C-alpha cells in the first residue's frame, strides 16, 4: 500500500446540473470528453451519469489540491471504465503532469441516488519496489 497524497469528495445536485446544461448547450463539450458524453448518453437517465462524472472531476481536482486553479481544466480529468467496468480516471494535461514521477494512481468511487450524485477520489503514491520510500 502506498502513501495517500490527497482525498477529494464532491456532491452534485442533479436537477441543478440539468438546468445548467439546458441553458448552456456548449457546456457539455467544455466539461466532458467525447467518450464520457457517449457513455452518459447511452444510459437510460444520462443526467445521473453526467452528474456523477462532474462530481468525479471536482473530487479529483480537490484531491490534487488545486480545484479549478493552476492550469487544470475539467477535460483534464476523464472518467473511464476499467477492464472490470468499474469507474476509473485518466488524467491529461496539467492534471497528469502533477502526478508524473510519483507513480501515483487515482482511486474513484461514484454514486447517485434521488437528486444527488457524488464522487470520492483518493490519490495514492505507490511505494518503491524495495519497500522504502526514499
Protein backbone atom coordinates (compact mmCIF):
# COMPACT_ATOMS: atom_id res chain seq x y z
CA UNK A 1 0.00 0.00 0.00
CA UNK A 2 1.25 3.44 -0.88
CA UNK A 3 1.04 6.77 0.82
CA UNK A 4 -2.12 8.88 0.43
CA UNK A 5 -1.36 12.14 -1.39
CA UNK A 6 -4.86 13.55 -1.45
CA UNK A 7 -8.56 12.91 -0.90
CA UNK A 8 -11.47 14.72 -2.53
CA UNK A 9 -15.24 14.41 -2.35
CA UNK A 10 -17.97 16.23 -4.22
CA UNK A 11 -21.78 16.25 -4.35
CA UNK A 12 -23.79 17.43 -7.35
CA UNK A 13 -27.45 18.43 -7.43
CA UNK A 14 -28.67 16.51 -10.50
CA UNK A 15 -31.60 18.85 -11.38
CA UNK A 16 -29.29 21.84 -10.99
CA UNK A 17 -26.79 20.38 -13.44
CA UNK A 18 -29.63 19.60 -15.85
CA UNK A 19 -30.76 23.24 -15.74
CA UNK A 20 -27.20 24.50 -16.37
CA UNK A 21 -26.73 22.11 -19.29
CA UNK A 22 -30.13 23.10 -20.77
CA UNK A 23 -29.27 26.83 -20.52
CA UNK A 24 -25.77 26.40 -21.93
CA UNK A 25 -25.70 23.86 -24.79
CA UNK A 26 -21.89 24.10 -25.19
CA UNK A 27 -21.31 23.26 -21.54
CA UNK A 28 -21.25 19.53 -22.20
CA UNK A 29 -18.43 19.85 -24.74
CA UNK A 30 -16.43 22.17 -22.45
CA UNK A 31 -16.62 19.82 -19.46
CA UNK A 32 -16.85 16.26 -20.78
CA UNK A 33 -14.61 14.33 -23.17
CA UNK A 34 -16.42 12.80 -26.17
CA UNK A 35 -16.13 9.30 -24.67
CA UNK A 36 -17.74 10.50 -21.42
CA UNK A 37 -20.62 12.09 -23.31
CA UNK A 38 -21.12 8.97 -25.43
CA UNK A 39 -21.23 6.75 -22.32
CA UNK A 40 -23.67 9.02 -20.47
CA UNK A 41 -25.94 9.41 -23.49
CA UNK A 42 -26.09 5.61 -23.88
CA UNK A 43 -27.72 5.26 -20.45
CA UNK A 44 -31.46 5.36 -19.62
CA UNK A 45 -31.02 8.53 -17.46
CA UNK A 46 -28.00 10.32 -18.91
CA UNK A 47 -28.08 13.26 -16.48
CA UNK A 48 -27.36 10.98 -13.49
CA UNK A 49 -24.19 9.79 -15.19
CA UNK A 50 -23.15 13.28 -16.28
CA UNK A 51 -23.64 14.45 -12.68
CA UNK A 52 -21.56 11.60 -11.25
CA UNK A 53 -18.77 12.38 -13.72
CA UNK A 54 -18.95 16.08 -12.91
CA UNK A 55 -18.63 15.21 -9.21
CA UNK A 56 -15.67 12.95 -10.05
CA UNK A 57 -13.86 15.76 -11.85
CA UNK A 58 -14.38 18.07 -8.87
CA UNK A 59 -13.32 15.36 -6.38
CA UNK A 60 -10.12 14.63 -8.33
CA UNK A 61 -9.27 18.35 -8.53
CA UNK A 62 -9.75 18.61 -4.76
CA UNK A 63 -7.56 15.54 -4.21
CA UNK A 64 -4.87 17.14 -6.38
CA UNK A 65 -5.10 20.19 -4.11
CA UNK A 66 -5.80 22.59 -6.97
CA UNK A 67 -9.53 22.90 -7.50
CA UNK A 68 -10.05 24.65 -10.84
CA UNK A 69 -6.83 26.62 -10.43
CA UNK A 70 -3.23 26.20 -11.52
CA UNK A 71 -3.99 25.32 -15.14
CA UNK A 72 -6.15 22.27 -14.50
CA UNK A 73 -9.30 22.07 -16.59
CA UNK A 74 -12.36 19.84 -16.35
CA UNK A 75 -11.39 17.95 -19.50
CA UNK A 76 -8.00 17.08 -17.92
CA UNK A 77 -9.91 14.59 -15.74
CA UNK A 78 -11.60 11.90 -17.84
CA UNK A 79 -13.80 9.28 -16.20
CA UNK A 80 -13.38 5.95 -17.97
CA UNK A 81 -14.18 2.35 -17.10
CA UNK A 82 -11.51 -0.19 -16.22
CA UNK A 83 -11.36 -3.76 -17.54
CA UNK A 84 -13.95 -4.85 -14.95
CA UNK A 85 -16.31 -1.98 -15.81
CA UNK A 86 -15.58 -0.01 -12.64
CA UNK A 87 -15.12 3.76 -12.89
CA UNK A 88 -11.53 4.89 -13.23
CA UNK A 89 -9.73 8.12 -14.08
CA UNK A 90 -7.45 9.05 -16.93
CA UNK A 91 -5.60 12.28 -16.28
CA UNK A 92 -4.45 14.51 -19.13
CA UNK A 93 -2.72 17.86 -19.45
CA UNK A 94 -1.71 19.66 -16.27
CA UNK A 95 -3.54 17.14 -14.05
CA UNK A 96 -1.38 14.31 -15.44
CA UNK A 97 1.78 16.40 -15.17
CA UNK A 98 1.21 16.83 -11.42
CA UNK A 99 1.41 13.08 -10.85
CA UNK A 100 4.22 12.19 -13.29
CA UNK A 101 7.22 10.77 -11.50
CA UNK A 102 5.28 9.93 -8.36
CA UNK A 103 3.96 6.60 -9.63
CA UNK A 104 0.62 7.77 -8.31
CA UNK A 105 -2.80 6.45 -9.17
CA UNK A 106 -6.32 7.68 -8.54
CA UNK A 107 -8.96 5.54 -6.87
CA UNK A 108 -12.51 6.62 -7.67
CA UNK A 109 -15.98 5.81 -6.38
CA UNK A 110 -19.19 7.20 -7.90
CA UNK A 111 -22.78 7.04 -6.70
CA UNK A 112 -26.13 8.63 -7.42
CA UNK A 113 -29.47 8.42 -5.65
CA UNK A 114 -32.52 10.60 -5.99
CA UNK A 115 -31.45 14.13 -6.90
CA UNK A 116 -27.81 13.80 -5.83
CA UNK A 117 -24.67 12.38 -7.38
CA UNK A 118 -21.38 12.05 -5.54
CA UNK A 119 -17.80 11.02 -6.07
CA UNK A 120 -14.82 10.28 -3.85
CA UNK A 121 -11.26 10.35 -5.19
CA UNK A 122 -8.14 9.15 -3.40
CA UNK A 123 -4.69 9.73 -4.87
CA UNK A 124 -2.17 7.13 -3.78
CA UNK A 125 1.59 7.20 -4.34
CA UNK A 126 2.90 3.71 -4.73
CA UNK A 127 5.88 2.79 -2.59
CA UNK A 128 9.20 1.81 -4.15
CA UNK A 129 9.55 -1.87 -5.03
CA UNK A 130 12.30 -2.31 -2.41
CA UNK A 131 9.85 -1.34 0.33
CA UNK A 132 11.46 2.01 1.05
CA UNK A 133 10.09 5.44 0.39
CA UNK A 134 13.32 7.26 -0.30
